[in-house]
Amino acid sequence: MEAVLEQNIKKVANHVEQQLDAELEKLDNLDIKYAELYDEKEFFEVSKKSGNIACLFYKDDSPRCKIVDHHFKILAKKHIEARFCKLNVERCPFLTERLRIRIIPTIALIVNGKTKDYIVGFTELGNCDDFSTETLQSRLAQSGVINYDDDLQCSETSKKPFIFRPKTKTIKGRSSDDSDDD
């Protein structure tokens, strides 16, 4: 009887261990937090289930969309409090029109089922293609989609906030620099 009990305990322990291994595997592969949605119906289902969503509206032939895609893959693993997804605008014309998405890439930031904010193009990300993941992370945090204690944000003790200021254009060939525009 004691041998049967011991054998049953080993079976249960092995089963529990397999379940834990499966859960750890899921955590290691958190790419499920960043997935492509194939149509409007799937978008609305995800919106009902997830509190915070960062959704990239993209086109296959856009190199800038691939840049955002790269950053989303990194951020999805760091920020499990939000659902990261992407949606091809050519497959979802109704939703694209309803959300008034005109510029690609556009990131829709959804909090508690309501579209709270948009990141349109790269203007707010430094207006360059080589912005850092931290820059995008900071911008997402400003909308409340992710939790991020940013060094770029103001604190009473030290740093000034990051403020993007576009470079002023000058007329080529101007040799005198005694302008009062500074």
Protein backbone atom coordinates (compact mmCIF):
# COMPACT_ATOMS: atom_id res chain seq x y z
CA MET A 1 0.00 0.00 0.00
CA GLU A 2 2.85 2.35 0.86
CA ALA A 3 4.52 1.60 -2.49
CA VAL A 4 1.30 2.41 -4.40
CA LEU A 5 0.93 5.69 -2.52
CA GLU A 6 4.54 6.62 -3.29
CA GLN A 7 4.02 5.79 -6.98
CA ASN A 8 0.88 7.94 -7.14
CA ILE A 9 2.68 10.86 -5.48
CA LYS A 10 5.47 10.58 -8.09
CA LYS A 11 2.91 10.59 -10.92
CA VAL A 12 1.23 13.72 -9.51
CA ALA A 13 4.61 15.42 -9.01
CA ASN A 14 5.64 14.63 -12.58
CA HIS A 15 2.35 15.98 -13.88
CA VAL A 16 2.71 19.21 -11.89
CA GLU A 17 6.31 19.55 -13.08
CA GLN A 18 5.20 19.20 -16.72
CA GLN A 19 2.56 21.88 -16.21
CA LEU A 20 5.12 24.23 -14.66
CA ASP A 21 7.52 23.59 -17.54
CA ALA A 22 4.75 24.43 -20.01
CA GLU A 23 3.98 27.68 -18.18
CA LEU A 24 7.67 28.63 -18.10
CA GLU A 25 7.86 27.93 -21.83
CA LYS A 26 4.94 30.31 -22.39
CA LEU A 27 6.67 33.01 -20.36
CA ASP A 28 9.88 32.53 -22.31
CA ASN A 29 7.98 32.92 -25.57
CA LEU A 30 6.05 36.06 -24.76
CA ASP A 31 5.76 36.84 -28.44
CA ILE A 32 2.11 35.98 -27.89
CA LYS A 33 1.96 39.47 -26.37
CA TYR A 34 2.85 40.77 -29.83
CA ALA A 35 0.80 39.26 -32.59
CA GLU A 36 -0.60 40.15 -35.96
CA LEU A 37 -4.34 40.59 -36.09
CA TYR A 38 -5.86 39.52 -39.39
CA ASP A 39 -9.12 41.43 -39.50
CA GLU A 40 -11.39 43.92 -37.79
CA LYS A 41 -13.29 41.19 -35.95
CA GLU A 42 -10.09 39.94 -34.30
CA PHE A 43 -9.14 43.54 -33.41
CA PHE A 44 -12.44 44.08 -31.59
CA GLU A 45 -12.11 40.73 -29.76
CA VAL A 46 -8.63 41.69 -28.53
CA SER A 47 -9.94 45.13 -27.52
CA LYS A 48 -12.58 43.52 -25.30
CA LYS A 49 -10.10 41.17 -23.61
CA SER A 50 -7.12 43.49 -23.07
CA GLY A 51 -7.02 46.60 -20.91
CA ASN A 52 -4.06 48.29 -22.59
CA ILE A 53 -3.25 47.90 -26.28
CA ALA A 54 -0.58 49.38 -28.53
CA CYS A 55 -1.60 48.56 -32.10
CA LEU A 56 0.64 49.27 -35.08
CA PHE A 57 -1.25 50.02 -38.27
CA TYR A 58 1.16 49.11 -41.05
CA LYS A 59 1.74 48.29 -44.71
CA ASP A 60 4.05 45.51 -45.88
CA ASP A 61 6.08 47.75 -48.17
CA SER A 62 6.87 50.43 -45.57
CA PRO A 63 10.41 50.38 -44.14
CA ARG A 64 9.31 52.64 -41.27
CA CYS A 65 6.70 50.09 -40.24
CA LYS A 66 9.47 47.50 -40.00
CA ILE A 67 11.34 49.83 -37.61
CA VAL A 68 8.32 50.07 -35.29
CA ASP A 69 7.82 46.32 -35.59
CA HIS A 70 11.39 45.77 -34.35
CA HIS A 71 10.81 48.01 -31.31
CA PHE A 72 7.43 46.39 -30.55
CA LYS A 73 9.05 42.93 -30.41
CA ILE A 74 11.42 44.22 -27.71
CA LEU A 75 8.78 46.13 -25.73
CA ALA A 76 6.22 43.31 -25.78
CA LYS A 77 8.61 41.14 -23.79
CA LYS A 78 9.29 43.90 -21.25
CA HIS A 79 5.73 45.13 -20.75
CA ILE A 80 3.33 42.30 -20.13
CA GLU A 81 0.79 44.78 -18.78
CA ALA A 82 -0.07 45.74 -22.36
CA ARG A 83 -0.98 43.85 -25.51
CA PHE A 84 1.14 44.73 -28.52
CA CYS A 85 -0.33 43.94 -31.94
CA LYS A 86 -0.17 44.97 -35.55
CA LEU A 87 -2.81 45.27 -38.22
CA ASN A 88 -2.34 45.56 -41.97
CA VAL A 89 -4.34 48.58 -43.17
CA GLU A 90 -4.95 46.98 -46.57
CA ARG A 91 -6.86 44.12 -44.92
CA CYS A 92 -8.88 46.39 -42.61
CA PRO A 93 -10.16 49.38 -44.60
CA PHE A 94 -13.26 49.85 -42.41
CA LEU A 95 -11.30 50.13 -39.17
CA THR A 96 -8.59 52.25 -40.78
CA GLU A 97 -11.23 54.70 -42.04
CA ARG A 98 -13.15 54.66 -38.73
CA LEU A 99 -10.00 55.53 -36.75
CA ARG A 100 -9.04 58.12 -39.41
CA ILE A 101 -5.62 56.60 -40.01
CA ARG A 102 -4.00 58.43 -42.94
CA ILE A 103 -0.26 58.16 -42.26
CA ILE A 104 1.61 54.87 -41.99
CA PRO A 105 2.94 53.85 -39.52
CA THR A 106 0.36 54.90 -36.96
CA ILE A 107 0.23 53.41 -33.48
CA ALA A 108 -3.19 53.45 -31.82
CA LEU A 109 -2.98 53.50 -28.02
CA ILE A 110 -6.06 51.99 -26.41
CA VAL A 111 -6.76 52.07 -22.67
CA ASN A 112 -9.81 50.29 -21.22
CA GLY A 113 -11.44 49.85 -24.62
CA LYS A 114 -11.13 53.50 -25.65
CA THR A 115 -8.65 54.94 -28.11
CA LYS A 116 -6.69 57.32 -25.93
CA ASP A 117 -3.94 58.52 -28.24
CA TYR A 118 -2.10 58.03 -31.52
CA ILE A 119 1.55 58.12 -32.48
CA VAL A 120 1.50 59.21 -36.11
CA GLY A 121 4.68 58.67 -38.08
CA PHE A 122 7.98 59.42 -36.36
CA THR A 123 7.48 63.12 -35.53
CA GLU A 124 7.06 62.50 -31.79
CA LEU A 125 9.89 59.96 -31.75
CA GLY A 126 12.64 62.36 -32.77
CA ASN A 127 11.64 62.65 -36.44
CA CYS A 128 14.33 60.15 -37.45
CA ASP A 129 14.47 56.47 -38.35
CA ASP A 130 17.06 55.57 -35.71
CA PHE A 131 15.11 56.49 -32.57
CA SER A 132 15.75 54.27 -29.55
CA THR A 133 13.40 51.70 -28.08
CA GLU A 134 13.47 53.78 -24.90
CA THR A 135 12.12 56.78 -26.82
CA LEU A 136 9.12 54.77 -27.98
CA GLN A 137 8.77 53.24 -24.52
CA SER A 138 8.65 56.70 -22.97
CA ARG A 139 6.03 57.87 -25.45
CA LEU A 140 3.84 54.82 -24.81
CA ALA A 141 4.11 55.45 -21.06
CA GLN A 142 2.92 59.04 -21.51
CA SER A 143 -0.39 57.67 -22.76
CA GLY A 144 -0.69 55.20 -19.89
CA VAL A 145 -0.55 52.10 -22.10
CA ILE A 146 2.55 50.79 -20.31
CA ASN A 147 4.14 51.37 -16.93
CA TYR A 148 7.59 52.89 -17.26
CA ASP A 149 9.54 55.06 -14.83
CA ASP A 150 11.42 57.08 -17.40
CA ASP A 151 14.72 58.86 -16.82
CA LEU A 152 13.64 61.30 -19.52
CA GLN A 153 10.70 62.50 -17.45
CA CYS A 154 11.01 65.40 -15.09
CA SER A 155 11.90 64.80 -11.49
CA GLU A 156 12.19 67.38 -8.76
CA THR A 157 15.84 66.60 -8.27
CA SER A 158 17.40 66.66 -11.67
CA LYS A 159 16.82 66.20 -15.34
CA LYS A 160 14.85 68.25 -17.79
CA PRO A 161 12.30 66.40 -19.90
CA PHE A 162 13.19 65.41 -23.44
CA ILE A 163 11.59 67.87 -25.82
CA PHE A 164 11.97 67.36 -29.53
CA ARG A 165 12.82 70.57 -31.38
CA PRO A 166 13.10 70.29 -35.14
CA LYS A 167 16.20 71.79 -36.71
CA THR A 168 15.66 75.18 -38.25
CA LYS A 169 16.21 75.32 -41.97
CA THR A 170 18.70 77.74 -43.45
CA ILE A 171 19.08 78.92 -46.98
CA LYS A 172 22.02 77.20 -48.61
CA GLY A 173 24.92 79.47 -49.45
CA ARG A 174 24.24 82.12 -46.82
CA SER A 175 27.61 83.38 -45.67
CA SER A 176 26.61 85.99 -43.13
CA ASP A 177 25.35 84.81 -39.77
CA ASP A 178 24.19 88.10 -38.28
CA SER A 179 20.54 87.13 -38.28
CA ASP A 180 18.34 87.95 -35.30
CA ASP A 181 16.39 84.70 -35.73
CA ASP A 182 18.44 82.90 -33.07
